[in-house]
Amino acid sequence: MLTVNVAVLLAVIIVVRLRRRTQARSRNDEKLTVLIVLVFGILVAPTSFGQGVLDVVQQITAGISDSSR
C-alpha cells in the first residue's frame, strides 16, 4: 500500500502550475494557484520544516530591521 503525503503532492502541483507561462494563465487559474499555495502553507506550517522556515524568516526580518536603524 502506497500513501502520498498531501503536502508533497501540493508542492508538486504548485511547481507544475508555476512553470507555465504567465500569459497562458486566466484570472481564475491564478486564483486557484493562490488557493493551492495557501492550503500548502497551512499544511506545512505546523511541521518541523515549517517551523524551521519560520525561524529563518524571523531572523532575516530581525536582521533587516536592525540594519535599518
C-alpha atoms as a PDB file:
ATOM      1  CA  MET A   1       0.000   0.000   0.000  1.00  0.00           C
ATOM      2  CA  LEU A   2       1.402   3.364  -1.048  1.00  0.00           C
ATOM      3  CA  THR A   3       0.422   6.591   0.673  1.00  0.00           C
ATOM      4  CA  VAL A   4       1.215  10.056  -0.647  1.00  0.00           C
ATOM      5  CA  ASN A   5       1.727  12.985   1.663  1.00  0.00           C
ATOM      6  CA  VAL A   6      -0.769  15.689   0.684  1.00  0.00           C
ATOM      7  CA  ALA A   7       1.770  18.465   1.248  1.00  0.00           C
ATOM      8  CA  VAL A   8       4.256  16.824  -1.132  1.00  0.00           C
ATOM      9  CA  LEU A   9       1.530  16.351  -3.728  1.00  0.00           C
ATOM     10  CA  LEU A  10       0.532  20.025  -3.436  1.00  0.00           C
ATOM     11  CA  ALA A  11       4.184  21.077  -3.736  1.00  0.00           C
ATOM     12  CA  VAL A  12       4.478  19.151  -7.000  1.00  0.00           C
ATOM     13  CA  ILE A  13       1.240  20.697  -8.285  1.00  0.00           C
ATOM     14  CA  ILE A  14       2.499  24.183  -7.373  1.00  0.00           C
ATOM     15  CA  VAL A  15       5.789  23.663  -9.224  1.00  0.00           C
ATOM     16  CA  VAL A  16       3.993  22.368 -12.324  1.00  0.00           C
ATOM     17  CA  ARG A  17       1.499  25.252 -12.301  1.00  0.00           C
ATOM     18  CA  LEU A  18       4.148  27.938 -11.801  1.00  0.00           C
ATOM     19  CA  ARG A  19       6.297  26.634 -14.658  1.00  0.00           C
ATOM     20  CA  ARG A  20       3.611  27.656 -17.145  1.00  0.00           C
ATOM     21  CA  ARG A  21       3.927  30.963 -18.946  1.00  0.00           C
ATOM     22  CA  THR A  22       2.217  33.906 -17.264  1.00  0.00           C
ATOM     23  CA  GLN A  23       0.384  34.893 -20.455  1.00  0.00           C
ATOM     24  CA  ALA A  24      -1.305  31.486 -20.624  1.00  0.00           C
ATOM     25  CA  ARG A  25      -2.997  31.889 -17.237  1.00  0.00           C
ATOM     26  CA  SER A  26      -6.519  33.173 -16.771  1.00  0.00           C
ATOM     27  CA  ARG A  27      -7.596  35.090 -13.695  1.00  0.00           C
ATOM     28  CA  ASN A  28      -9.438  32.018 -12.369  1.00  0.00           C
ATOM     29  CA  ASP A  29      -6.305  29.937 -12.925  1.00  0.00           C
ATOM     30  CA  GLU A  30      -4.272  32.424 -10.876  1.00  0.00           C
ATOM     31  CA  LYS A  31      -6.886  32.376  -8.082  1.00  0.00           C
ATOM     32  CA  LEU A  32      -6.741  28.569  -7.999  1.00  0.00           C
ATOM     33  CA  THR A  33      -2.936  28.689  -7.750  1.00  0.00           C
ATOM     34  CA  VAL A  34      -3.154  31.121  -4.824  1.00  0.00           C
ATOM     35  CA  LEU A  35      -5.674  28.847  -3.092  1.00  0.00           C
ATOM     36  CA  ILE A  36      -3.423  25.809  -3.575  1.00  0.00           C
ATOM     37  CA  VAL A  37      -0.422  27.719  -2.177  1.00  0.00           C
ATOM     38  CA  LEU A  38      -2.452  28.827   0.868  1.00  0.00           C
ATOM     39  CA  VAL A  39      -3.563  25.254   1.584  1.00  0.00           C
ATOM     40  CA  PHE A  40       0.054  24.112   1.180  1.00  0.00           C
ATOM     41  CA  GLY A  41       1.170  26.748   3.706  1.00  0.00           C
ATOM     42  CA  ILE A  42      -1.471  25.642   6.190  1.00  0.00           C
ATOM     43  CA  LEU A  43      -0.390  22.007   5.840  1.00  0.00           C
ATOM     44  CA  VAL A  44       3.340  22.750   6.158  1.00  0.00           C
ATOM     45  CA  ALA A  45       3.193  25.369   8.949  1.00  0.00           C
ATOM     46  CA  PRO A  46       2.777  23.005  11.947  1.00  0.00           C
ATOM     47  CA  THR A  47       5.576  20.676  10.804  1.00  0.00           C
ATOM     48  CA  SER A  48       9.193  20.928  11.912  1.00  0.00           C
ATOM     49  CA  PHE A  49      10.122  22.052   8.388  1.00  0.00           C
ATOM     50  CA  GLY A  50       7.543  24.842   8.571  1.00  0.00           C
ATOM     51  CA  GLN A  51       8.825  25.944  11.976  1.00  0.00           C
ATOM     52  CA  GLY A  52      12.387  25.980  10.640  1.00  0.00           C
ATOM     53  CA  VAL A  53      11.327  28.178   7.717  1.00  0.00           C
ATOM     54  CA  LEU A  54       9.524  30.492  10.151  1.00  0.00           C
ATOM     55  CA  ASP A  55      12.646  30.795  12.309  1.00  0.00           C
ATOM     56  CA  VAL A  56      14.811  31.643   9.283  1.00  0.00           C
ATOM     57  CA  VAL A  57      12.343  34.279   8.078  1.00  0.00           C
ATOM     58  CA  GLN A  58      12.172  35.806  11.568  1.00  0.00           C
ATOM     59  CA  GLN A  59      15.988  36.007  11.760  1.00  0.00           C
ATOM     60  CA  ILE A  60      16.186  37.641   8.332  1.00  0.00           C
ATOM     61  CA  THR A  61      13.451  40.113   9.241  1.00  0.00           C
ATOM     62  CA  ALA A  62      15.147  40.963  12.518  1.00  0.00           C
ATOM     63  CA  GLY A  63      18.469  41.447  10.718  1.00  0.00           C
ATOM     64  CA  ILE A  64      16.901  43.768   8.153  1.00  0.00           C
ATOM     65  CA  SER A  65      15.092  45.842  10.777  1.00  0.00           C
ATOM     66  CA  ASP A  66      18.276  46.101  12.920  1.00  0.00           C
ATOM     67  CA  SER A  67      20.362  47.231   9.932  1.00  0.00           C
ATOM     68  CA  SER A  68      17.898  49.997   9.053  1.00  0.00           C
ATOM     69  CA  ARG A  69      18.285  51.707  12.451  1.00  0.00           C
END
